[in-house]
Amino acid sequence: MMKNNLQKRGQRWGVRQVAVTALILLLALFLLPLLLFGTAGTDPPEEAAPTGELPLDRTVVTPQPSADSQVSVRVALSDGSVLTLGLDQYLWRVVAAEMPASFEPEALKAQTAAARTYTLSKLGRTSERHPDADVCTDITCCQAYLEPAQAAANWGDRAAEYTAKITAAVADTDGMVILYDGQPIQAVFFSSAAGRTVDAVEVWGNSVPYLTGVDSPEGEEVPNYHSTASFTLEEFKGILLAQYPQADLSGEPGSWFQNLVPNSAGGVESIDIGGVTLSGGTVRTLFGLRSASFTVEATGDGVTFSVTGYGHGVGMSQYGANALAKEGKTYDEILKWYYTGVEVAPYTPAA
């Protein structure tokens, strides 16, 4: 009997031990995650009161607007309307129209700074060609202009690449202007030179200290670097006599051309045609030549001009700028090459 009681007590004790052990394990299963991971799933703790400071890893930097975007430009479009753009937007359209987007990035930057400078020099000045606008899209008056959609269509498969290149050229030169004595220059430019640019006085009659002739390194890589313009004798006579009826075009055609005077770049400063003295620039305009760097041959079959380069020849040569960029020159070095005695620096136009 006593043995049975002891057995029963031992069984009850064993049951209690199992129950206690199970309870301990159960508590451990619930409490251990709380100890290790906190009170996830419970109500969140009350947030700390704001201190007026942001943690370093959450600091928000608000980008400053670009200097160009703060300047407004009124643009007279070809349809007669006037569009107001930020200077950065206007410059994009000018660079896209004025320089091949395939050019080196530093050449595109040089073009952008020249276009920016030219534009700022126009602000606040009234023009009879566009009295209600600062600039127009007529290249005989101001700068070329191309809308982004048309530029993308022209560029085809390379539209995204070229759009990014010109956007970078504008952004990377933001606010940078070509200055002489602290003021924006007349930053004229042209396509390609025949080895050297020309002094402004030789083309326009006015001496400008920063528009002097310099060597220009472009050459045979330029499309249509050498060109010809040919006319029958009757065509030539008709064009010349319509403007200069006093010219004497009698005798042998070769005798019509006399006294060719070269300019400082090896082009034509002046030439006598039929006894009338004309500047090289006048001859270029009259006969639609690509530049005033030409020679002429006249025979019984007609008159042929052989021309090198393209443009008026004053200021920055665009193909020359690209050649300098390929040599490793930066955009400001390129600008200082073509515009004598200038500095390239930020400039804020007067309000």
Protein backbone atom coordinates (compact mmCIF):
# COMPACT_ATOMS: atom_id res chain seq x y z
CA MET A 1 0.00 0.00 0.00
CA MET A 2 2.77 2.40 0.93
CA LYS A 3 4.58 1.42 -2.23
CA ASN A 4 1.56 2.32 -4.32
CA ASN A 5 1.27 5.74 -2.63
CA LEU A 6 4.91 6.45 -3.34
CA GLN A 7 4.42 5.51 -6.97
CA LYS A 8 1.40 7.81 -7.25
CA ARG A 9 3.30 10.70 -5.62
CA GLY A 10 6.21 10.16 -8.05
CA GLN A 11 3.86 10.24 -10.99
CA ARG A 12 2.23 13.46 -9.78
CA TRP A 13 5.70 15.00 -9.26
CA GLY A 14 6.72 14.02 -12.77
CA VAL A 15 3.60 15.57 -14.23
CA ARG A 16 4.31 18.81 -12.34
CA GLN A 17 7.90 18.87 -13.67
CA VAL A 18 6.65 18.39 -17.23
CA ALA A 19 4.05 21.14 -16.76
CA VAL A 20 6.63 23.56 -15.29
CA THR A 21 9.10 22.79 -18.06
CA ALA A 22 6.41 23.31 -20.72
CA LEU A 23 5.42 26.64 -19.13
CA ILE A 24 9.05 27.81 -19.10
CA LEU A 25 9.47 26.87 -22.76
CA LEU A 26 6.21 28.60 -23.68
CA LEU A 27 7.27 31.82 -21.95
CA ALA A 28 10.65 31.65 -23.59
CA LEU A 29 9.05 31.37 -27.03
CA PHE A 30 6.99 34.53 -26.44
CA LEU A 31 9.49 36.60 -24.47
CA LEU A 32 12.66 35.91 -26.44
CA PRO A 33 11.55 37.75 -29.64
CA LEU A 34 10.50 40.71 -27.52
CA LEU A 35 13.88 40.79 -25.86
CA LEU A 36 15.70 40.48 -29.18
CA PHE A 37 13.56 42.65 -31.49
CA GLY A 38 11.75 45.11 -29.26
CA THR A 39 8.03 45.77 -29.30
CA ALA A 40 7.26 45.32 -32.97
CA GLY A 41 3.57 45.12 -33.57
CA THR A 42 2.74 47.23 -30.53
CA ASP A 43 1.75 50.86 -30.61
CA PRO A 44 4.67 53.04 -31.86
CA PRO A 45 6.44 55.18 -29.28
CA GLU A 46 5.64 58.84 -29.22
CA GLU A 47 7.88 60.79 -31.66
CA ALA A 48 10.47 63.16 -30.29
CA ALA A 49 9.67 66.83 -30.43
CA PRO A 50 11.18 68.56 -33.50
CA THR A 51 14.57 70.12 -32.91
CA GLY A 52 14.67 72.41 -35.96
CA GLU A 53 17.56 70.41 -37.43
CA LEU A 54 17.68 67.63 -40.01
CA PRO A 55 19.78 64.50 -39.48
CA LEU A 56 22.89 64.52 -41.67
CA ASP A 57 21.66 61.57 -43.72
CA ARG A 58 18.37 63.32 -44.51
CA THR A 59 19.63 66.81 -45.38
CA VAL A 60 17.63 68.28 -48.29
CA VAL A 61 19.54 70.51 -50.72
CA THR A 62 17.37 72.78 -52.86
CA PRO A 63 19.15 73.39 -56.19
CA GLN A 64 19.76 77.03 -57.01
CA PRO A 65 18.28 78.28 -60.30
CA SER A 66 20.84 78.77 -63.05
CA ALA A 67 22.09 82.26 -63.83
CA ASP A 68 20.88 81.95 -67.42
CA SER A 69 17.36 81.02 -66.36
CA GLN A 70 17.07 84.32 -64.49
CA VAL A 71 17.48 86.33 -67.71
CA SER A 72 14.53 86.71 -70.09
CA VAL A 73 14.99 87.10 -73.83
CA ARG A 74 12.27 88.30 -76.20
CA VAL A 75 12.63 86.50 -79.51
CA ALA A 76 10.96 87.71 -82.71
CA LEU A 77 9.99 84.57 -84.64
CA SER A 78 9.69 84.26 -88.40
CA ASP A 79 5.87 84.38 -88.23
CA GLY A 80 5.97 87.82 -86.60
CA SER A 81 5.14 86.67 -83.07
CA VAL A 82 7.38 87.38 -80.08
CA LEU A 83 8.30 84.54 -77.72
CA THR A 84 9.82 85.14 -74.28
CA LEU A 85 12.31 82.50 -73.18
CA GLY A 86 14.83 82.06 -70.42
CA LEU A 87 18.34 82.73 -71.70
CA ASP A 88 19.23 79.06 -71.17
CA GLN A 89 16.31 77.94 -73.36
CA TYR A 90 17.17 80.47 -76.05
CA LEU A 91 20.85 79.49 -76.08
CA TRP A 92 19.99 75.83 -76.57
CA ARG A 93 18.05 76.72 -79.69
CA VAL A 94 20.85 78.94 -81.01
CA VAL A 95 23.65 76.42 -80.48
CA ALA A 96 21.56 73.65 -82.04
CA ALA A 97 21.18 75.84 -85.13
CA GLU A 98 24.62 77.44 -85.29
CA MET A 99 27.08 74.57 -84.71
CA PRO A 100 27.02 70.87 -85.65
CA ALA A 101 26.12 68.88 -82.52
CA SER A 102 28.73 66.30 -83.54
CA PHE A 103 31.46 68.80 -82.62
CA GLU A 104 33.68 68.39 -79.56
CA PRO A 105 32.08 69.33 -76.20
CA GLU A 106 34.58 72.17 -75.62
CA ALA A 107 33.81 73.63 -79.04
CA LEU A 108 30.08 73.53 -78.22
CA LYS A 109 30.82 75.29 -74.94
CA ALA A 110 32.82 77.98 -76.76
CA GLN A 111 29.90 78.47 -79.15
CA THR A 112 27.48 78.70 -76.23
CA ALA A 113 29.56 81.36 -74.45
CA ALA A 114 29.92 83.34 -77.68
CA ALA A 115 26.16 83.13 -78.32
CA ARG A 116 25.42 84.12 -74.70
CA THR A 117 27.74 87.11 -74.97
CA TYR A 118 26.27 88.19 -78.28
CA THR A 119 22.75 87.93 -76.86
CA LEU A 120 23.53 89.92 -73.71
CA SER A 121 25.05 92.67 -75.84
CA LYS A 122 21.69 92.92 -77.61
CA LEU A 123 19.55 93.28 -74.48
CA GLY A 124 18.24 96.76 -73.91
CA ARG A 125 19.05 97.88 -77.46
CA THR A 126 16.29 98.73 -79.91
CA SER A 127 16.49 97.42 -83.46
CA GLU A 128 14.41 98.64 -86.38
CA ARG A 129 14.27 95.02 -87.60
CA HIS A 130 12.60 93.81 -84.40
CA PRO A 131 11.51 96.80 -82.26
CA ASP A 132 9.42 94.68 -79.88
CA ALA A 133 12.06 92.01 -79.26
CA ASP A 134 15.66 91.73 -78.11
CA VAL A 135 16.68 89.36 -80.90
CA CYS A 136 15.22 87.71 -83.97
CA THR A 137 15.73 84.42 -85.82
CA ASP A 138 16.96 86.02 -89.07
CA ILE A 139 20.65 85.14 -89.48
CA THR A 140 21.24 88.32 -91.50
CA CYS A 141 20.34 90.29 -88.35
CA CYS A 142 20.90 88.08 -85.29
CA GLN A 143 21.60 84.40 -84.65
CA ALA A 144 20.21 81.22 -86.15
CA TYR A 145 17.42 79.49 -84.20
CA LEU A 146 16.05 75.94 -84.15
CA GLU A 147 13.19 74.53 -82.11
CA PRO A 148 14.01 71.33 -80.15
CA ALA A 149 11.46 69.25 -82.05
CA GLN A 150 12.94 70.22 -85.40
CA ALA A 151 16.47 69.66 -84.10
CA ALA A 152 15.52 66.15 -82.94
CA ALA A 153 14.00 65.40 -86.33
CA ASN A 154 17.18 66.57 -88.06
CA TRP A 155 19.38 64.44 -85.78
CA GLY A 156 17.38 61.24 -86.17
CA ASP A 157 18.83 58.31 -84.21
CA ARG A 158 21.35 60.56 -82.46
CA ALA A 159 18.73 62.99 -81.15
CA ALA A 160 19.05 61.93 -77.49
CA GLU A 161 22.85 62.09 -77.60
CA TYR A 162 23.01 65.47 -79.29
CA THR A 163 20.25 66.94 -77.13
CA ALA A 164 22.25 65.98 -74.04
CA LYS A 165 25.49 67.43 -75.48
CA ILE A 166 23.97 70.84 -76.11
CA THR A 167 22.14 70.83 -72.79
CA ALA A 168 25.48 70.13 -71.08
CA ALA A 169 27.22 72.90 -73.05
CA VAL A 170 24.66 75.43 -71.82
CA ALA A 171 24.71 74.18 -68.22
CA ASP A 172 28.49 73.85 -67.98
CA THR A 173 29.03 77.46 -69.08
CA ASP A 174 26.12 78.91 -67.10
CA GLY A 175 26.50 82.68 -66.83
CA MET A 176 29.98 82.74 -68.40
CA VAL A 177 30.50 85.67 -70.76
CA ILE A 178 33.35 86.99 -72.92
CA LEU A 179 34.36 90.37 -71.51
CA TYR A 180 36.64 93.18 -72.64
CA ASP A 181 37.17 95.96 -70.12
CA GLY A 182 34.44 94.32 -68.06
CA GLN A 183 31.75 94.50 -70.74
CA PRO A 184 30.34 91.86 -73.11
CA ILE A 185 32.00 91.93 -76.49
CA GLN A 186 30.50 91.73 -79.96
CA ALA A 187 31.21 87.99 -80.11
CA VAL A 188 30.90 87.50 -83.86
CA PHE A 189 31.69 84.10 -85.33
CA PHE A 190 31.69 82.31 -88.67
CA SER A 191 32.10 78.83 -90.11
CA SER A 192 35.66 78.32 -91.39
CA ALA A 193 38.75 80.35 -92.24
CA ALA A 194 41.38 79.92 -94.92
CA GLY A 195 44.16 79.54 -92.36
CA ARG A 196 43.65 82.84 -90.55
CA THR A 197 40.86 85.13 -89.35
CA VAL A 198 40.56 88.75 -90.49
CA ASP A 199 40.75 92.06 -88.65
CA ALA A 200 37.30 93.63 -88.23
CA VAL A 201 38.53 96.85 -89.83
CA GLU A 202 39.21 95.01 -93.09
CA VAL A 203 35.62 93.78 -93.32
CA TRP A 204 33.49 96.45 -91.69
CA GLY A 205 35.77 99.48 -91.62
CA ASN A 206 35.83 99.77 -87.81
CA SER A 207 38.85 98.77 -85.75
CA VAL A 208 37.89 96.61 -82.74
CA PRO A 209 40.71 95.72 -80.31
CA TYR A 210 39.51 92.18 -79.59
CA LEU A 211 38.62 91.37 -83.23
CA THR A 212 42.09 91.04 -84.71
CA GLY A 213 43.33 88.38 -87.08
CA VAL A 214 44.75 85.14 -85.64
CA ASP A 215 45.84 81.80 -87.07
CA SER A 216 43.04 79.24 -87.40
CA PRO A 217 43.89 75.51 -87.58
CA GLU A 218 41.02 73.99 -89.60
CA GLY A 219 41.56 72.61 -93.09
CA GLU A 220 40.60 69.79 -95.39
CA GLU A 221 38.33 68.15 -92.78
CA VAL A 222 35.84 70.98 -93.34
CA PRO A 223 32.99 70.05 -95.73
CA ASN A 224 33.15 72.16 -98.91
CA TYR A 225 36.32 73.83 -97.63
CA HIS A 226 37.19 74.52 -101.27
CA SER A 227 34.35 75.57 -103.55
CA THR A 228 33.85 77.17 -106.94
CA ALA A 229 31.25 79.54 -108.38
CA SER A 230 31.07 79.75 -112.15
CA PHE A 231 29.16 82.18 -114.40
CA THR A 232 28.81 82.60 -118.12
CA LEU A 233 30.01 85.94 -119.41
CA GLU A 234 26.44 87.11 -119.86
CA GLU A 235 25.48 86.04 -116.34
CA PHE A 236 28.49 87.80 -114.88
CA LYS A 237 27.83 91.00 -116.82
CA GLY A 238 24.17 90.99 -115.82
CA ILE A 239 24.94 90.68 -112.10
CA LEU A 240 27.72 93.27 -112.02
CA LEU A 241 26.14 95.91 -114.29
CA ALA A 242 22.83 95.74 -112.41
CA GLN A 243 24.65 97.17 -109.38
CA TYR A 244 27.53 99.03 -111.06
CA PRO A 245 26.37 100.20 -114.48
CA GLN A 246 29.50 102.35 -114.81
CA ALA A 247 31.75 99.27 -115.01
CA ASP A 248 33.49 98.80 -118.35
CA LEU A 249 33.31 95.15 -119.37
CA SER A 250 34.59 95.54 -122.87
CA GLY A 251 37.61 93.75 -124.24
CA GLU A 252 38.99 90.39 -123.14
CA PRO A 253 37.38 89.04 -119.92
CA GLY A 254 40.79 88.55 -118.34
CA SER A 255 41.36 92.30 -118.53
CA TRP A 256 38.27 93.08 -116.48
CA PHE A 257 40.02 92.15 -113.23
CA GLN A 258 42.87 94.33 -112.02
CA ASN A 259 44.71 95.42 -108.88
CA LEU A 260 43.78 92.61 -106.49
CA VAL A 261 44.83 93.71 -103.00
CA PRO A 262 45.12 90.84 -100.45
CA ASN A 263 43.89 91.19 -96.88
CA SER A 264 45.85 90.13 -93.80
CA ALA A 265 44.52 86.57 -94.04
CA GLY A 266 45.44 86.08 -97.69
CA GLY A 267 41.93 86.74 -98.96
CA VAL A 268 40.78 89.72 -101.02
CA GLU A 269 40.66 93.16 -99.47
CA SER A 270 39.76 94.85 -102.75
CA ILE A 271 39.78 94.29 -106.50
CA ASP A 272 39.05 96.43 -109.55
CA ILE A 273 36.40 94.96 -111.84
CA GLY A 274 35.72 96.86 -115.04
CA GLY A 275 37.45 99.87 -113.53
CA VAL A 276 35.28 99.85 -110.37
CA THR A 277 37.01 99.15 -107.05
CA LEU A 278 35.08 96.68 -104.92
CA SER A 279 35.87 95.16 -101.54
CA GLY A 280 36.30 91.43 -101.28
CA GLY A 281 33.21 91.31 -99.08
CA THR A 282 31.17 93.15 -101.71
CA VAL A 283 32.25 90.71 -104.40
CA ARG A 284 31.42 87.83 -102.07
CA THR A 285 27.88 89.14 -101.50
CA LEU A 286 27.29 90.11 -105.10
CA PHE A 287 28.15 86.69 -106.53
CA GLY A 288 27.09 84.54 -103.58
CA LEU A 289 30.60 83.31 -102.73
CA ARG A 290 31.19 81.34 -99.53
CA SER A 291 33.95 83.72 -98.40
CA ALA A 292 36.13 86.62 -99.55
CA SER A 293 39.13 84.31 -99.75
CA PHE A 294 39.03 83.72 -103.50
CA THR A 295 40.90 83.78 -106.77
CA VAL A 296 39.25 84.49 -110.12
CA GLU A 297 39.77 83.20 -113.64
CA ALA A 298 38.07 84.80 -116.64
CA THR A 299 38.12 83.37 -120.17
CA GLY A 300 35.93 83.46 -123.20
CA ASP A 301 33.91 80.64 -121.63
CA GLY A 302 33.03 82.53 -118.45
CA VAL A 303 34.20 83.61 -115.02
CA THR A 304 35.08 81.18 -112.22
CA PHE A 305 35.78 82.03 -108.58
CA SER A 306 37.76 79.51 -106.53
CA VAL A 307 36.92 79.99 -102.85
CA THR A 308 38.35 78.70 -99.55
CA GLY A 309 36.45 78.70 -96.24
CA TYR A 310 33.00 79.99 -95.41
CA GLY A 311 31.86 83.19 -93.70
CA HIS A 312 32.95 86.77 -93.10
CA GLY A 313 36.18 85.68 -91.40
CA VAL A 314 35.98 87.87 -88.27
CA GLY A 315 36.02 86.53 -84.70
CA MET A 316 35.71 82.83 -83.86
CA SER A 317 35.92 80.21 -86.56
CA GLN A 318 33.60 77.35 -85.63
CA TYR A 319 35.59 74.66 -87.42
CA GLY A 320 38.76 76.19 -86.02
CA ALA A 321 37.27 75.98 -82.52
CA ASN A 322 36.54 72.29 -83.09
CA ALA A 323 40.09 71.70 -84.29
CA LEU A 324 41.47 73.41 -81.16
CA ALA A 325 39.15 71.34 -78.97
CA LYS A 326 40.51 68.18 -80.57
CA GLU A 327 43.99 69.39 -79.61
CA GLY A 328 42.85 69.49 -75.98
CA LYS A 329 42.08 73.18 -75.50
CA THR A 330 39.25 74.13 -73.14
CA TYR A 331 36.42 76.38 -74.18
CA ASP A 332 37.82 79.46 -72.45
CA GLU A 333 41.22 78.87 -74.07
CA ILE A 334 39.49 78.66 -77.44
CA LEU A 335 37.67 81.94 -76.82
CA LYS A 336 40.85 83.70 -75.73
CA TRP A 337 42.54 82.38 -78.88
CA TYR A 338 40.02 84.01 -81.20
CA TYR A 339 39.11 87.14 -79.22
CA THR A 340 42.24 89.11 -78.34
CA GLY A 341 42.74 90.37 -74.78
CA VAL A 342 39.43 89.13 -73.36
CA GLU A 343 38.50 87.38 -70.13
CA VAL A 344 35.82 84.72 -69.67
CA ALA A 345 33.93 85.32 -66.45
CA PRO A 346 30.43 85.44 -64.88
CA TYR A 347 28.44 88.51 -65.79
CA THR A 348 25.10 89.80 -64.57
CA PRO A 349 23.34 92.22 -66.93
CA ALA A 350 22.01 95.44 -65.48
CA ALA A 351 18.36 95.29 -64.49
